[in-house]
Amino acid sequence: MFMPKNPAVLLREELSKHNIEMLDIYSFREHDVIRLYDKQARRVVLYKNKRKVNSLLSREEVANYVAEIIKVIKGI
């Protein structure tokens, strides 16, 4: 039987396509903090967003979320 993947797994897979490893997700009442490892820059980055990872419902939403993360950590 096929089990659908949860948003954190989808996020991890999408980030790995961009050479970024997701280390942890810290969930708070108002926001999430995601600890990421940028393999190109060889640094650990904290990403804070009011949108919680568990609220992501589709692959498209996950891809858009990853695009936001990349803009912030790459300084684009």
N, C-alpha and C. Protein backbone atom coordinates (compact mmCIF):
# COMPACT_ATOMS: atom_id res chain seq x y z
N MET A 1 0.84 -1.19 0.00
CA MET A 1 0.00 0.00 0.00
C MET A 1 0.89 1.25 0.00
N PHE A 2 0.50 2.25 -0.76
CA PHE A 2 1.27 3.48 -0.90
C PHE A 2 0.90 4.47 0.20
N MET A 3 1.91 4.94 0.91
CA MET A 3 1.70 5.97 1.92
C MET A 3 2.14 7.33 1.36
N PRO A 4 1.28 8.33 1.41
CA PRO A 4 1.70 9.65 0.93
C PRO A 4 2.79 10.21 1.84
N LYS A 5 3.69 10.97 1.23
CA LYS A 5 4.78 11.54 1.99
C LYS A 5 4.30 12.78 2.74
N ASN A 6 4.84 12.97 3.92
CA ASN A 6 4.46 14.16 4.68
C ASN A 6 5.24 15.37 4.16
N PRO A 7 4.81 16.58 4.50
CA PRO A 7 5.44 17.80 3.96
C PRO A 7 6.93 17.90 4.27
N ALA A 8 7.36 17.41 5.43
CA ALA A 8 8.78 17.50 5.78
C ALA A 8 9.63 16.64 4.85
N VAL A 9 9.14 15.48 4.48
CA VAL A 9 9.87 14.60 3.56
C VAL A 9 9.93 15.23 2.18
N LEU A 10 8.82 15.78 1.72
CA LEU A 10 8.81 16.46 0.42
C LEU A 10 9.77 17.65 0.42
N LEU A 11 9.79 18.40 1.53
CA LEU A 11 10.68 19.55 1.64
C LEU A 11 12.13 19.09 1.60
N ARG A 12 12.47 18.03 2.31
CA ARG A 12 13.83 17.50 2.32
C ARG A 12 14.26 17.09 0.90
N GLU A 13 13.37 16.42 0.17
CA GLU A 13 13.69 15.98 -1.19
C GLU A 13 13.89 17.16 -2.13
N GLU A 14 13.03 18.16 -2.03
CA GLU A 14 13.12 19.33 -2.91
C GLU A 14 14.39 20.13 -2.60
N LEU A 15 14.74 20.26 -1.33
CA LEU A 15 15.96 20.99 -0.97
C LEU A 15 17.20 20.27 -1.46
N SER A 16 17.18 18.94 -1.43
CA SER A 16 18.35 18.18 -1.87
C SER A 16 18.63 18.39 -3.36
N LYS A 17 17.60 18.70 -4.13
CA LYS A 17 17.79 19.00 -5.55
C LYS A 17 18.63 20.26 -5.75
N HIS A 18 18.63 21.14 -4.73
CA HIS A 18 19.35 22.41 -4.79
C HIS A 18 20.62 22.37 -3.95
N ASN A 19 21.08 21.17 -3.61
CA ASN A 19 22.32 20.98 -2.86
C ASN A 19 22.25 21.57 -1.45
N ILE A 20 21.07 21.47 -0.86
CA ILE A 20 20.85 21.94 0.51
C ILE A 20 20.28 20.78 1.31
N GLU A 21 20.85 20.56 2.48
CA GLU A 21 20.38 19.48 3.35
C GLU A 21 19.57 20.06 4.50
N MET A 22 18.38 19.52 4.71
CA MET A 22 17.56 19.95 5.84
C MET A 22 17.98 19.15 7.07
N LEU A 23 18.41 19.85 8.11
CA LEU A 23 18.87 19.17 9.31
C LEU A 23 17.74 18.98 10.32
N ASP A 24 17.03 20.04 10.66
CA ASP A 24 15.98 19.99 11.67
C ASP A 24 14.88 20.97 11.33
N ILE A 25 13.69 20.71 11.90
CA ILE A 25 12.59 21.67 11.88
C ILE A 25 12.17 21.88 13.33
N TYR A 26 12.22 23.12 13.78
CA TYR A 26 11.77 23.47 15.12
C TYR A 26 10.43 24.18 14.97
N SER A 27 9.39 23.60 15.51
CA SER A 27 8.05 24.17 15.39
C SER A 27 7.67 24.92 16.66
N PHE A 28 7.23 26.14 16.45
CA PHE A 28 6.72 26.98 17.52
C PHE A 28 5.27 27.30 17.20
N ARG A 29 4.60 27.93 18.11
CA ARG A 29 3.18 28.22 17.91
C ARG A 29 2.96 29.12 16.71
N GLU A 30 3.78 30.15 16.54
CA GLU A 30 3.57 31.14 15.50
C GLU A 30 4.39 30.92 14.24
N HIS A 31 5.46 30.12 14.32
CA HIS A 31 6.36 29.98 13.16
C HIS A 31 7.16 28.68 13.26
N ASP A 32 7.88 28.39 12.19
CA ASP A 32 8.83 27.29 12.15
C ASP A 32 10.22 27.86 11.90
N VAL A 33 11.22 27.20 12.48
CA VAL A 33 12.61 27.51 12.19
C VAL A 33 13.21 26.24 11.62
N ILE A 34 13.80 26.37 10.43
CA ILE A 34 14.39 25.23 9.75
C ILE A 34 15.90 25.42 9.74
N ARG A 35 16.61 24.40 10.21
CA ARG A 35 18.08 24.43 10.19
C ARG A 35 18.53 23.72 8.93
N LEU A 36 19.29 24.42 8.10
CA LEU A 36 19.70 23.93 6.79
C LEU A 36 21.22 23.94 6.67
N TYR A 37 21.74 23.02 5.87
CA TYR A 37 23.16 23.01 5.56
C TYR A 37 23.33 23.25 4.07
N ASP A 38 23.93 24.39 3.74
CA ASP A 38 24.20 24.75 2.34
C ASP A 38 25.53 24.09 1.96
N LYS A 39 25.46 23.07 1.13
CA LYS A 39 26.66 22.29 0.79
C LYS A 39 27.64 23.08 -0.05
N GLN A 40 27.18 24.00 -0.87
CA GLN A 40 28.09 24.79 -1.70
C GLN A 40 28.88 25.79 -0.86
N ALA A 41 28.18 26.48 0.04
CA ALA A 41 28.83 27.48 0.88
C ALA A 41 29.43 26.86 2.14
N ARG A 42 29.10 25.60 2.40
CA ARG A 42 29.59 24.88 3.59
C ARG A 42 29.27 25.63 4.87
N ARG A 43 27.98 25.95 5.03
CA ARG A 43 27.56 26.66 6.25
C ARG A 43 26.17 26.21 6.65
N VAL A 44 25.90 26.35 7.92
CA VAL A 44 24.59 26.05 8.47
C VAL A 44 23.81 27.35 8.56
N VAL A 45 22.55 27.30 8.13
CA VAL A 45 21.70 28.49 8.07
C VAL A 45 20.40 28.20 8.81
N LEU A 46 19.90 29.18 9.55
CA LEU A 46 18.58 29.08 10.16
C LEU A 46 17.61 29.88 9.30
N TYR A 47 16.50 29.26 8.94
CA TYR A 47 15.48 29.93 8.13
C TYR A 47 14.19 29.97 8.95
N LYS A 48 13.68 31.17 9.17
CA LYS A 48 12.45 31.35 9.95
C LYS A 48 11.35 31.85 9.03
N ASN A 49 10.18 31.21 9.12
CA ASN A 49 9.05 31.62 8.30
C ASN A 49 7.78 31.44 9.10
N LYS A 50 6.85 32.38 8.95
CA LYS A 50 5.57 32.26 9.67
C LYS A 50 4.72 31.13 9.13
N ARG A 51 4.96 30.74 7.87
CA ARG A 51 4.22 29.62 7.30
C ARG A 51 4.83 28.32 7.81
N LYS A 52 4.01 27.51 8.42
CA LYS A 52 4.49 26.27 9.00
C LYS A 52 4.64 25.20 7.92
N VAL A 53 5.63 24.36 8.08
CA VAL A 53 5.91 23.31 7.10
C VAL A 53 4.72 22.36 6.98
N ASN A 54 4.05 22.07 8.07
CA ASN A 54 2.91 21.16 8.04
C ASN A 54 1.73 21.70 7.25
N SER A 55 1.74 23.00 6.93
CA SER A 55 0.63 23.57 6.17
C SER A 55 0.82 23.39 4.66
N LEU A 56 1.98 22.90 4.23
CA LEU A 56 2.22 22.69 2.81
C LEU A 56 1.44 21.47 2.35
N LEU A 57 0.63 21.63 1.31
CA LEU A 57 -0.28 20.56 0.91
C LEU A 57 0.09 19.87 -0.40
N SER A 58 0.88 20.52 -1.26
CA SER A 58 1.17 19.93 -2.55
C SER A 58 2.64 20.10 -2.89
N ARG A 59 3.08 19.38 -3.90
CA ARG A 59 4.47 19.51 -4.36
C ARG A 59 4.75 20.92 -4.87
N GLU A 60 3.75 21.55 -5.49
CA GLU A 60 3.93 22.91 -6.00
C GLU A 60 4.17 23.89 -4.85
N GLU A 61 3.42 23.74 -3.76
CA GLU A 61 3.61 24.60 -2.60
C GLU A 61 4.99 24.38 -1.99
N VAL A 62 5.43 23.14 -1.94
CA VAL A 62 6.76 22.83 -1.42
C VAL A 62 7.83 23.47 -2.31
N ALA A 63 7.66 23.38 -3.63
CA ALA A 63 8.62 23.97 -4.56
C ALA A 63 8.69 25.49 -4.39
N ASN A 64 7.54 26.14 -4.19
CA ASN A 64 7.52 27.58 -3.96
C ASN A 64 8.18 27.94 -2.64
N TYR A 65 7.96 27.12 -1.62
CA TYR A 65 8.56 27.33 -0.30
C TYR A 65 10.09 27.23 -0.42
N VAL A 66 10.56 26.25 -1.17
CA VAL A 66 12.00 26.07 -1.37
C VAL A 66 12.57 27.26 -2.14
N ALA A 67 11.85 27.77 -3.12
CA ALA A 67 12.31 28.95 -3.86
C ALA A 67 12.49 30.14 -2.92
N GLU A 68 11.57 30.31 -1.97
CA GLU A 68 11.69 31.38 -0.98
C GLU A 68 12.93 31.17 -0.11
N ILE A 69 13.15 29.93 0.31
CA ILE A 69 14.32 29.62 1.14
C ILE A 69 15.60 29.94 0.40
N ILE A 70 15.68 29.55 -0.87
CA ILE A 70 16.89 29.76 -1.66
C ILE A 70 17.15 31.26 -1.82
N LYS A 71 16.10 32.05 -2.07
CA LYS A 71 16.27 33.49 -2.20
C LYS A 71 16.89 34.08 -0.93
N VAL A 72 16.42 33.62 0.22
CA VAL A 72 16.90 34.17 1.48
C VAL A 72 18.33 33.73 1.77
N ILE A 73 18.62 32.44 1.66
CA ILE A 73 19.95 32.00 2.08
C ILE A 73 21.04 32.29 1.05
N LYS A 74 20.68 32.44 -0.20
CA LYS A 74 21.68 32.79 -1.22
C LYS A 74 21.81 34.30 -1.37
N GLY A 75 20.90 35.05 -0.75
CA GLY A 75 20.97 36.51 -0.81
C GLY A 75 20.55 37.09 -2.13
N ILE A 76 19.64 36.43 -2.81
CA ILE A 76 19.20 36.89 -4.13
C ILE A 76 18.10 37.93 -3.97
